[in-house]
Amino acid sequence: MPLRWITPADIVTQQALLRHPDFVVARMKGQYWQVREKVFDYQGRFRRANELR
């Protein structure tokens, strides 16, 4: 289902349809992290973003 946004209010009304990524790949660039990739539906050996092992 494609989500169509024109104004910030459109995003707020459809906020429940958005989901967090399972896994985020980032690299340190200077003093800050730069997100390289966001993975949804991750299945692998590393923990997912919402798991505390």
PDB file of N, CA and C in Angstrom:
ATOM      1  N   MET A   1       0.849  -1.168   0.000  1.00  0.00           N
ATOM      2  CA  MET A   1       0.000   0.000   0.000  1.00  0.00           C
ATOM      3  C   MET A   1       0.900   1.238   0.000  1.00  0.00           C
ATOM      4  N   PRO A   2       0.908   1.984  -1.059  1.00  0.00           N
ATOM      5  CA  PRO A   2       1.740   3.192  -1.087  1.00  0.00           C
ATOM      6  C   PRO A   2       1.160   4.285  -0.191  1.00  0.00           C
ATOM      7  N   LEU A   3       2.034   4.935   0.528  1.00  0.00           N
ATOM      8  CA  LEU A   3       1.619   6.035   1.393  1.00  0.00           C
ATOM      9  C   LEU A   3       1.925   7.347   0.680  1.00  0.00           C
ATOM     10  N   ARG A   4       0.962   8.221   0.633  1.00  0.00           N
ATOM     11  CA  ARG A   4       1.143   9.494  -0.061  1.00  0.00           C
ATOM     12  C   ARG A   4       1.137  10.627   0.970  1.00  0.00           C
ATOM     13  N   TRP A   5       2.215  11.392   0.963  1.00  0.00           N
ATOM     14  CA  TRP A   5       2.363  12.504   1.891  1.00  0.00           C
ATOM     15  C   TRP A   5       2.585  13.778   1.111  1.00  0.00           C
ATOM     16  N   ILE A   6       1.871  14.802   1.515  1.00  0.00           N
ATOM     17  CA  ILE A   6       2.073  16.123   0.932  1.00  0.00           C
ATOM     18  C   ILE A   6       2.464  17.112   2.024  1.00  0.00           C
ATOM     19  N   THR A   7       1.843  16.972   3.172  1.00  0.00           N
ATOM     20  CA  THR A   7       2.121  17.872   4.288  1.00  0.00           C
ATOM     21  C   THR A   7       2.570  17.053   5.501  1.00  0.00           C
ATOM     22  N   PRO A   8       3.214  17.683   6.468  1.00  0.00           N
ATOM     23  CA  PRO A   8       3.572  16.966   7.698  1.00  0.00           C
ATOM     24  C   PRO A   8       2.350  16.398   8.423  1.00  0.00           C
ATOM     25  N   ALA A   9       1.219  17.047   8.305  1.00  0.00           N
ATOM     26  CA  ALA A   9      -0.001  16.539   8.940  1.00  0.00           C
ATOM     27  C   ALA A   9      -0.412  15.195   8.343  1.00  0.00           C
ATOM     28  N   ASP A  10      -0.148  14.987   7.056  1.00  0.00           N
ATOM     29  CA  ASP A  10      -0.442  13.700   6.420  1.00  0.00           C
ATOM     30  C   ASP A  10       0.385  12.582   7.047  1.00  0.00           C
ATOM     31  N   ILE A  11       1.628  12.873   7.362  1.00  0.00           N
ATOM     32  CA  ILE A  11       2.497  11.876   7.986  1.00  0.00           C
ATOM     33  C   ILE A  11       2.001  11.545   9.386  1.00  0.00           C
ATOM     34  N   VAL A  12       1.599  12.547  10.128  1.00  0.00           N
ATOM     35  CA  VAL A  12       1.122  12.328  11.498  1.00  0.00           C
ATOM     36  C   VAL A  12      -0.137  11.475  11.497  1.00  0.00           C
ATOM     37  N   THR A  13      -1.039  11.701  10.549  1.00  0.00           N
ATOM     38  CA  THR A  13      -2.276  10.918  10.515  1.00  0.00           C
ATOM     39  C   THR A  13      -2.023   9.463  10.127  1.00  0.00           C
ATOM     40  N   GLN A  14      -0.962   9.189   9.371  1.00  0.00           N
ATOM     41  CA  GLN A  14      -0.647   7.823   8.951  1.00  0.00           C
ATOM     42  C   GLN A  14       0.501   7.223   9.761  1.00  0.00           C
ATOM     43  N   GLN A  15       0.817   7.799  10.896  1.00  0.00           N
ATOM     44  CA  GLN A  15       1.951   7.374  11.713  1.00  0.00           C
ATOM     45  C   GLN A  15       1.835   5.916  12.153  1.00  0.00           C
ATOM     46  N   ALA A  16       0.638   5.433  12.402  1.00  0.00           N
ATOM     47  CA  ALA A  16       0.457   4.049  12.852  1.00  0.00           C
ATOM     48  C   ALA A  16       0.837   3.044  11.768  1.00  0.00           C
ATOM     49  N   LEU A  17       0.837   3.441  10.516  1.00  0.00           N
ATOM     50  CA  LEU A  17       1.182   2.548   9.408  1.00  0.00           C
ATOM     51  C   LEU A  17       2.689   2.423   9.194  1.00  0.00           C
ATOM     52  N   LEU A  18       3.473   3.320   9.792  1.00  0.00           N
ATOM     53  CA  LEU A  18       4.926   3.282   9.651  1.00  0.00           C
ATOM     54  C   LEU A  18       5.510   2.319  10.680  1.00  0.00           C
ATOM     55  N   ARG A  19       6.615   1.676  10.341  1.00  0.00           N
ATOM     56  CA  ARG A  19       7.233   0.746  11.282  1.00  0.00           C
ATOM     57  C   ARG A  19       8.724   1.021  11.391  1.00  0.00           C
ATOM     58  N   HIS A  20       9.308   0.544  12.480  1.00  0.00           N
ATOM     59  CA  HIS A  20      10.736   0.713  12.726  1.00  0.00           C
ATOM     60  C   HIS A  20      11.510  -0.373  11.985  1.00  0.00           C
ATOM     61  N   PRO A  21      12.727  -0.082  11.557  1.00  0.00           N
ATOM     62  CA  PRO A  21      13.533  -1.132  10.928  1.00  0.00           C
ATOM     63  C   PRO A  21      13.986  -2.161  11.961  1.00  0.00           C
ATOM     64  N   ASP A  22      14.171  -3.407  11.517  1.00  0.00           N
ATOM     65  CA  ASP A  22      14.668  -4.467  12.392  1.00  0.00           C
ATOM     66  C   ASP A  22      16.158  -4.321  12.649  1.00  0.00           C
ATOM     67  N   PHE A  23      16.881  -3.783  11.694  1.00  0.00           N
ATOM     68  CA  PHE A  23      18.337  -3.739  11.775  1.00  0.00           C
ATOM     69  C   PHE A  23      18.814  -2.479  11.070  1.00  0.00           C
ATOM     70  N   VAL A  24      19.745  -1.771  11.684  1.00  0.00           N
ATOM     71  CA  VAL A  24      20.285  -0.545  11.098  1.00  0.00           C
ATOM     72  C   VAL A  24      21.793  -0.701  10.960  1.00  0.00           C
ATOM     73  N   VAL A  25      22.303  -0.447   9.767  1.00  0.00           N
ATOM     74  CA  VAL A  25      23.739  -0.497   9.507  1.00  0.00           C
ATOM     75  C   VAL A  25      24.238   0.938   9.450  1.00  0.00           C
ATOM     76  N   ALA A  26      25.205   1.276  10.313  1.00  0.00           N
ATOM     77  CA  ALA A  26      25.718   2.647  10.370  1.00  0.00           C
ATOM     78  C   ALA A  26      27.238   2.619  10.459  1.00  0.00           C
ATOM     79  N   ARG A  27      27.837   3.718  10.070  1.00  0.00           N
ATOM     80  CA  ARG A  27      29.297   3.857  10.119  1.00  0.00           C
ATOM     81  C   ARG A  27      29.624   5.187  10.789  1.00  0.00           C
ATOM     82  N   MET A  28      30.655   5.169  11.617  1.00  0.00           N
ATOM     83  CA  MET A  28      31.086   6.389  12.292  1.00  0.00           C
ATOM     84  C   MET A  28      31.760   7.304  11.277  1.00  0.00           C
ATOM     85  N   LYS A  29      31.245   8.510  11.165  1.00  0.00           N
ATOM     86  CA  LYS A  29      31.827   9.492  10.253  1.00  0.00           C
ATOM     87  C   LYS A  29      32.138  10.729  11.080  1.00  0.00           C
ATOM     88  N   GLY A  30      33.410  10.905  11.417  1.00  0.00           N
ATOM     89  CA  GLY A  30      33.791  11.995  12.315  1.00  0.00           C
ATOM     90  C   GLY A  30      33.303  11.686  13.714  1.00  0.00           C
ATOM     91  N   GLN A  31      32.482  12.563  14.253  1.00  0.00           N
ATOM     92  CA  GLN A  31      31.933  12.363  15.593  1.00  0.00           C
ATOM     93  C   GLN A  31      30.535  11.766  15.571  1.00  0.00           C
ATOM     94  N   TYR A  32      29.960  11.557  14.401  1.00  0.00           N
ATOM     95  CA  TYR A  32      28.561  11.158  14.297  1.00  0.00           C
ATOM     96  C   TYR A  32      28.417   9.855  13.520  1.00  0.00           C
ATOM     97  N   TRP A  33      27.315   9.167  13.738  1.00  0.00           N
ATOM     98  CA  TRP A  33      27.003   7.950  13.001  1.00  0.00           C
ATOM     99  C   TRP A  33      26.242   8.313  11.738  1.00  0.00           C
ATOM    100  N   GLN A  34      26.634   7.698  10.629  1.00  0.00           N
ATOM    101  CA  GLN A  34      25.929   7.886   9.368  1.00  0.00           C
ATOM    102  C   GLN A  34      25.224   6.571   9.038  1.00  0.00           C
ATOM    103  N   VAL A  35      23.911   6.618   8.910  1.00  0.00           N
ATOM    104  CA  VAL A  35      23.136   5.424   8.601  1.00  0.00           C
ATOM    105  C   VAL A  35      23.383   5.042   7.149  1.00  0.00           C
ATOM    106  N   ARG A  36      23.815   3.804   6.948  1.00  0.00           N
ATOM    107  CA  ARG A  36      24.095   3.307   5.597  1.00  0.00           C
ATOM    108  C   ARG A  36      22.898   2.569   5.019  1.00  0.00           C
ATOM    109  N   GLU A  37      22.221   1.804   5.874  1.00  0.00           N
ATOM    110  CA  GLU A  37      21.137   0.964   5.383  1.00  0.00           C
ATOM    111  C   GLU A  37      20.173   0.661   6.515  1.00  0.00           C
ATOM    112  N   LYS A  38      18.898   0.575   6.198  1.00  0.00           N
ATOM    113  CA  LYS A  38      17.866   0.158   7.143  1.00  0.00           C
ATOM    114  C   LYS A  38      17.259  -1.123   6.594  1.00  0.00           C
ATOM    115  N   VAL A  39      17.235  -2.168   7.416  1.00  0.00           N
ATOM    116  CA  VAL A  39      16.768  -3.470   6.970  1.00  0.00           C
ATOM    117  C   VAL A  39      15.461  -3.794   7.682  1.00  0.00           C
ATOM    118  N   PHE A  40      14.448  -4.117   6.906  1.00  0.00           N
ATOM    119  CA  PHE A  40      13.170  -4.560   7.435  1.00  0.00           C
ATOM    120  C   PHE A  40      13.064  -6.067   7.198  1.00  0.00           C
ATOM    121  N   ASP A  41      12.377  -6.785   8.066  1.00  0.00           N
ATOM    122  CA  ASP A  41      12.210  -8.237   7.966  1.00  0.00           C
ATOM    123  C   ASP A  41      13.561  -8.950   8.001  1.00  0.00           C
ATOM    124  N   TYR A  42      14.406  -8.563   8.929  1.00  0.00           N
ATOM    125  CA  TYR A  42      15.752  -9.132   9.070  1.00  0.00           C
ATOM    126  C   TYR A  42      15.693 -10.503   9.719  1.00  0.00           C
ATOM    127  N   GLN A  43      16.434 -11.446   9.167  1.00  0.00           N
ATOM    128  CA  GLN A  43      16.640 -12.753   9.781  1.00  0.00           C
ATOM    129  C   GLN A  43      18.119 -13.064   9.664  1.00  0.00           C
ATOM    130  N   GLY A  44      18.788 -13.113  10.789  1.00  0.00           N
ATOM    131  CA  GLY A  44      20.222 -13.365  10.765  1.00  0.00           C
ATOM    132  C   GLY A  44      20.739 -13.631  12.160  1.00  0.00           C
ATOM    133  N   ARG A  45      22.064 -13.675  12.296  1.00  0.00           N
ATOM    134  CA  ARG A  45      22.658 -14.057  13.579  1.00  0.00           C
ATOM    135  C   ARG A  45      22.787 -12.907  14.557  1.00  0.00           C
ATOM    136  N   PHE A  46      22.698 -11.669  14.112  1.00  0.00           N
ATOM    137  CA  PHE A  46      22.818 -10.522  15.009  1.00  0.00           C
ATOM    138  C   PHE A  46      21.453 -10.156  15.583  1.00  0.00           C
ATOM    139  N   ARG A  47      21.476  -9.521  16.753  1.00  0.00           N
ATOM    140  CA  ARG A  47      20.205  -9.152  17.381  1.00  0.00           C
ATOM    141  C   ARG A  47      19.534  -8.033  16.605  1.00  0.00           C
ATOM    142  N   ARG A  48      18.224  -8.011  16.688  1.00  0.00           N
ATOM    143  CA  ARG A  48      17.471  -6.949  16.039  1.00  0.00           C
ATOM    144  C   ARG A  48      17.469  -5.729  16.946  1.00  0.00           C
ATOM    145  N   ALA A  49      17.066  -4.593  16.409  1.00  0.00           N
ATOM    146  CA  ALA A  49      17.157  -3.326  17.135  1.00  0.00           C
ATOM    147  C   ALA A  49      16.316  -3.315  18.406  1.00  0.00           C
ATOM    148  N   ASN A  50      15.222  -4.066  18.451  1.00  0.00           N
ATOM    149  CA  ASN A  50      14.344  -4.021  19.622  1.00  0.00           C
ATOM    150  C   ASN A  50      14.608  -5.153  20.616  1.00  0.00           C
ATOM    151  N   GLU A  51      15.640  -5.954  20.413  1.00  0.00           N
ATOM    152  CA  GLU A  51      15.947  -7.070  21.305  1.00  0.00           C
ATOM    153  C   GLU A  51      17.133  -6.739  22.204  1.00  0.00           C
ATOM    154  N   LEU A  52      17.021  -7.133  23.455  1.00  0.00           N
ATOM    155  CA  LEU A  52      18.128  -6.965  24.399  1.00  0.00           C
ATOM    156  C   LEU A  52      18.571  -8.347  24.839  1.00  0.00           C
ATOM    157  N   ARG A  53      19.635  -8.844  24.281  1.00  0.00           N
ATOM    158  CA  ARG A  53      20.142 -10.172  24.666  1.00  0.00           C
ATOM    159  C   ARG A  53      21.242 -10.035  25.662  1.00  0.00           C
TER     160      ARG A  53
END
